[in-house]
Every structure is written in structure tokens, then in C-alpha cells.
Amino acid sequence: MITLTESAVQELKVLLEKKGASGKSGLRLGVERGGCAGFQYAMQVSEKTEGDEVIEQDGARVFLAADSLEHLRGAQIDYSHDLTNSGFKVVNPNAARSCGCGTSFQTKKEGLEPSHDPALDGTNCC
């Protein structure tokens, strides 16, 4: 389904430790309508919710929101150490185009609309 780079695995472990997250926690990743290109990624540390797909890689856990699976198929999560914009990045083969910040994208597939997931509210594009 999706993969994580070694950098993403290491940074996710650090993030979970800093947050004092339980052993059941991971990075929850979803796609919502919004942002400057039509869709945006939403990420938060949480426990699995009903319907999430679980990806575990080298001790790091990612929960994929059920209504976002089609938008995330084949994606890779990376962690970028940039001077001005460090953070988790999604390299998504389903994105036809992305905005400058890489948080918002337009899908290649017509008619796929994620539903609203209030658990992921509060994540914004640039």
C-alpha cells in the first residue's frame, strides 16, 4: 500500500517518544478536501480508529484513513530535513499536480472525493 523511508521511520519514532504516545499510537494519515490544489494531507499522532488500514515498517506504525486509501495507494512517506520546511512529506503517484508546499494536491482520478473526517481537522495547507 504505502512505504516509509528510513528517515520517516526514524523521525516517526522520535515524534511518538516526544509526545509520550502509547504503544498503540502511530501517525494517522488521511486526505481531505481543501488546500490550494483541491485535496490536502492531514496527519496527526493518534491510535487506530475503526476502518483504518495499518502499515507497520521497522517499528513505526501508520494508520491510513479508510476513505483516503484510493488517494494514497503506492505513496511513500518521507521526512525532509530542510532549512525552512522540515517535516513529513508524501510522495504520491496519484497526484496530478501539487501546490508549492507539497501539502495540497490534485488527484489524477476523477470522481474520488474523500469524506470529511473531523478527527483530522486542524491541518492546513500553506
C-alpha atoms as a PDB file:
ATOM      1  CA  MET A   1       0.000   0.000   0.000  1.00  0.00           C
ATOM      2  CA  ILE A   2       2.434   2.709   1.163  1.00  0.00           C
ATOM      3  CA  THR A   3       6.046   2.711   2.295  1.00  0.00           C
ATOM      4  CA  LEU A   4       8.145   4.811   4.617  1.00  0.00           C
ATOM      5  CA  THR A   5      11.701   5.918   4.010  1.00  0.00           C
ATOM      6  CA  GLU A   6      14.289   5.183   6.689  1.00  0.00           C
ATOM      7  CA  SER A   7      14.271   8.894   7.565  1.00  0.00           C
ATOM      8  CA  ALA A   8      10.474   8.829   8.057  1.00  0.00           C
ATOM      9  CA  VAL A   9      10.683   5.715  10.244  1.00  0.00           C
ATOM     10  CA  GLN A  10      13.324   7.283  12.489  1.00  0.00           C
ATOM     11  CA  GLU A  11      11.554  10.643  12.799  1.00  0.00           C
ATOM     12  CA  LEU A  12       8.203   8.997  13.496  1.00  0.00           C
ATOM     13  CA  LYS A  13       9.746   7.028  16.364  1.00  0.00           C
ATOM     14  CA  VAL A  14      11.258  10.251  17.755  1.00  0.00           C
ATOM     15  CA  LEU A  15       7.934  12.091  17.412  1.00  0.00           C
ATOM     16  CA  LEU A  16       5.983   9.358  19.202  1.00  0.00           C
ATOM     17  CA  GLU A  17       8.527   9.299  22.022  1.00  0.00           C
ATOM     18  CA  LYS A  18       8.443  13.108  22.402  1.00  0.00           C
ATOM     19  CA  LYS A  19       4.644  13.064  22.572  1.00  0.00           C
ATOM     20  CA  GLY A  20       4.683  10.285  25.158  1.00  0.00           C
ATOM     21  CA  ALA A  21       2.401   8.287  22.878  1.00  0.00           C
ATOM     22  CA  SER A  22       1.136   4.880  23.918  1.00  0.00           C
ATOM     23  CA  GLY A  23       2.434   1.698  22.305  1.00  0.00           C
ATOM     24  CA  LYS A  24      -0.770   1.630  20.252  1.00  0.00           C
ATOM     25  CA  SER A  25      -0.169   5.065  18.695  1.00  0.00           C
ATOM     26  CA  GLY A  26       1.114   5.931  15.259  1.00  0.00           C
ATOM     27  CA  LEU A  27       0.896   8.568  12.552  1.00  0.00           C
ATOM     28  CA  ARG A  28      -2.644   8.825  11.164  1.00  0.00           C
ATOM     29  CA  LEU A  29      -2.677   9.923   7.538  1.00  0.00           C
ATOM     30  CA  GLY A  30      -5.729  10.978   5.592  1.00  0.00           C
ATOM     31  CA  VAL A  31      -6.799  13.082   2.643  1.00  0.00           C
ATOM     32  CA  GLU A  32      -9.406  15.840   2.903  1.00  0.00           C
ATOM     33  CA  ARG A  33     -10.919  18.346   0.537  1.00  0.00           C
ATOM     34  CA  GLY A  34      -9.070  21.619   0.862  1.00  0.00           C
ATOM     35  CA  GLY A  35      -5.820  23.380   0.241  1.00  0.00           C
ATOM     36  CA  CYS A  36      -4.921  25.337  -2.848  1.00  0.00           C
ATOM     37  CA  ALA A  37      -4.997  22.341  -5.241  1.00  0.00           C
ATOM     38  CA  GLY A  38      -8.245  20.667  -4.112  1.00  0.00           C
ATOM     39  CA  PHE A  39      -7.088  17.999  -1.646  1.00  0.00           C
ATOM     40  CA  GLN A  40      -4.753  18.166   1.319  1.00  0.00           C
ATOM     41  CA  TYR A  41      -2.964  15.685   3.523  1.00  0.00           C
ATOM     42  CA  ALA A  42      -3.922  15.527   7.176  1.00  0.00           C
ATOM     43  CA  MET A  43      -1.552  13.957   9.706  1.00  0.00           C
ATOM     44  CA  GLN A  44      -1.738  13.531  13.442  1.00  0.00           C
ATOM     45  CA  VAL A  45      -0.466  11.239  16.166  1.00  0.00           C
ATOM     46  CA  SER A  46      -3.308   9.032  17.311  1.00  0.00           C
ATOM     47  CA  GLU A  47      -4.414   5.492  17.895  1.00  0.00           C
ATOM     48  CA  LYS A  48      -6.099   3.414  15.215  1.00  0.00           C
ATOM     49  CA  THR A  49      -9.731   4.212  14.531  1.00  0.00           C
ATOM     50  CA  GLU A  50     -12.266   1.796  13.119  1.00  0.00           C
ATOM     51  CA  GLY A  51     -11.708   1.137   9.420  1.00  0.00           C
ATOM     52  CA  ASP A  52      -8.105   2.388   9.308  1.00  0.00           C
ATOM     53  CA  GLU A  53      -5.574   0.320   7.410  1.00  0.00           C
ATOM     54  CA  VAL A  54      -2.440  -0.269   9.470  1.00  0.00           C
ATOM     55  CA  ILE A  55       1.032  -0.116   7.951  1.00  0.00           C
ATOM     56  CA  GLU A  56       3.957  -1.174  10.156  1.00  0.00           C
ATOM     57  CA  GLN A  57       7.510  -0.792   8.995  1.00  0.00           C
ATOM     58  CA  ASP A  58      10.627  -1.247  11.139  1.00  0.00           C
ATOM     59  CA  GLY A  59       8.719  -0.496  14.345  1.00  0.00           C
ATOM     60  CA  ALA A  60       6.915   2.589  13.003  1.00  0.00           C
ATOM     61  CA  ARG A  61       3.132   2.493  12.616  1.00  0.00           C
ATOM     62  CA  VAL A  62       0.965   4.480  10.179  1.00  0.00           C
ATOM     63  CA  PHE A  63      -2.836   4.430  10.144  1.00  0.00           C
ATOM     64  CA  LEU A  64      -4.442   5.191   6.789  1.00  0.00           C
ATOM     65  CA  ALA A  65      -7.938   6.654   6.964  1.00  0.00           C
ATOM     66  CA  ALA A  66     -10.308   4.260   5.176  1.00  0.00           C
ATOM     67  CA  ASP A  67     -11.819   6.908   2.901  1.00  0.00           C
ATOM     68  CA  SER A  68      -8.352   8.014   1.779  1.00  0.00           C
ATOM     69  CA  LEU A  69      -6.941   4.671   0.638  1.00  0.00           C
ATOM     70  CA  GLU A  70      -7.529   5.244  -3.087  1.00  0.00           C
ATOM     71  CA  HIS A  71      -5.709   8.581  -2.893  1.00  0.00           C
ATOM     72  CA  LEU A  72      -2.723   7.074  -1.068  1.00  0.00           C
ATOM     73  CA  ARG A  73      -2.182   3.784  -2.929  1.00  0.00           C
ATOM     74  CA  GLY A  74       1.513   3.445  -3.801  1.00  0.00           C
ATOM     75  CA  ALA A  75       2.562   6.581  -1.878  1.00  0.00           C
ATOM     76  CA  GLN A  76       5.764   6.962   0.088  1.00  0.00           C
ATOM     77  CA  ILE A  77       6.152   8.921   3.316  1.00  0.00           C
ATOM     78  CA  ASP A  78       9.490  10.659   3.692  1.00  0.00           C
ATOM     79  CA  TYR A  79      10.927  13.059   6.246  1.00  0.00           C
ATOM     80  CA  SER A  80      12.761  16.026   4.834  1.00  0.00           C
ATOM     81  CA  HIS A  81      15.408  17.926   6.810  1.00  0.00           C
ATOM     82  CA  ASP A  82      15.263  21.310   5.091  1.00  0.00           C
ATOM     83  CA  LEU A  83      16.382  24.612   6.480  1.00  0.00           C
ATOM     84  CA  THR A  84      12.973  26.231   6.023  1.00  0.00           C
ATOM     85  CA  ASN A  85      10.496  23.368   5.758  1.00  0.00           C
ATOM     86  CA  SER A  86      11.410  20.201   7.669  1.00  0.00           C
ATOM     87  CA  GLY A  87       8.703  17.620   8.144  1.00  0.00           C
ATOM     88  CA  PHE A  88       6.891  14.591   6.822  1.00  0.00           C
ATOM     89  CA  LYS A  89       6.296  14.643   3.068  1.00  0.00           C
ATOM     90  CA  VAL A  90       4.051  12.425   0.971  1.00  0.00           C
ATOM     91  CA  VAL A  91       5.373  11.369  -2.423  1.00  0.00           C
ATOM     92  CA  ASN A  92       2.130  10.388  -4.119  1.00  0.00           C
ATOM     93  CA  PRO A  93       1.865   8.751  -7.565  1.00  0.00           C
ATOM     94  CA  ASN A  94      -1.870   9.582  -7.574  1.00  0.00           C
ATOM     95  CA  ALA A  95      -1.246  13.338  -7.582  1.00  0.00           C
ATOM     96  CA  ALA A  96      -1.604  15.014 -10.968  1.00  0.00           C
ATOM     97  CA  ARG A  97      -0.103  18.217  -9.552  1.00  0.00           C
ATOM     98  CA  SER A  98       0.838  19.645  -6.162  1.00  0.00           C
ATOM     99  CA  CYS A  99       0.964  23.137  -4.735  1.00  0.00           C
ATOM    100  CA  GLY A 100       4.323  24.674  -3.889  1.00  0.00           C
ATOM    101  CA  CYS A 101       4.314  23.458  -0.292  1.00  0.00           C
ATOM    102  CA  GLY A 102       3.547  19.863  -1.291  1.00  0.00           C
ATOM    103  CA  THR A 103       0.700  19.624   1.225  1.00  0.00           C
ATOM    104  CA  SER A 104      -2.104  20.135  -1.270  1.00  0.00           C
ATOM    105  CA  PHE A 105      -2.620  18.174  -4.477  1.00  0.00           C
ATOM    106  CA  GLN A 106      -4.975  17.471  -7.345  1.00  0.00           C
ATOM    107  CA  THR A 107      -5.820  13.829  -7.980  1.00  0.00           C
ATOM    108  CA  LYS A 108      -5.380  12.021 -11.296  1.00  0.00           C
ATOM    109  CA  LYS A 109      -8.623  10.083 -10.704  1.00  0.00           C
ATOM    110  CA  GLU A 110     -11.885  11.848 -11.426  1.00  0.00           C
ATOM    111  CA  GLY A 111     -14.789  11.490  -9.021  1.00  0.00           C
ATOM    112  CA  LEU A 112     -12.839  10.394  -5.948  1.00  0.00           C
ATOM    113  CA  GLU A 113     -13.916  12.589  -3.069  1.00  0.00           C
ATOM    114  CA  PRO A 114     -12.806  11.868   0.484  1.00  0.00           C
ATOM    115  CA  SER A 115     -15.426  12.346   3.146  1.00  0.00           C
ATOM    116  CA  HIS A 116     -14.914  14.788   5.996  1.00  0.00           C
ATOM    117  CA  ASP A 117     -13.053  13.240   8.923  1.00  0.00           C
ATOM    118  CA  PRO A 118     -13.376  15.503  11.993  1.00  0.00           C
ATOM    119  CA  ALA A 119     -10.547  13.588  13.699  1.00  0.00           C
ATOM    120  CA  LEU A 120      -8.130  15.164  11.220  1.00  0.00           C
ATOM    121  CA  ASP A 121      -9.426  18.751  11.460  1.00  0.00           C
ATOM    122  CA  GLY A 122      -6.933  21.470  12.081  1.00  0.00           C
ATOM    123  CA  THR A 123      -4.329  20.620   9.456  1.00  0.00           C
ATOM    124  CA  ASN A 124      -3.879  23.407   6.959  1.00  0.00           C
ATOM    125  CA  CYS A 125      -2.097  23.991   3.714  1.00  0.00           C
ATOM    126  CA  CYS A 126       0.413  26.810   3.312  1.00  0.00           C
END
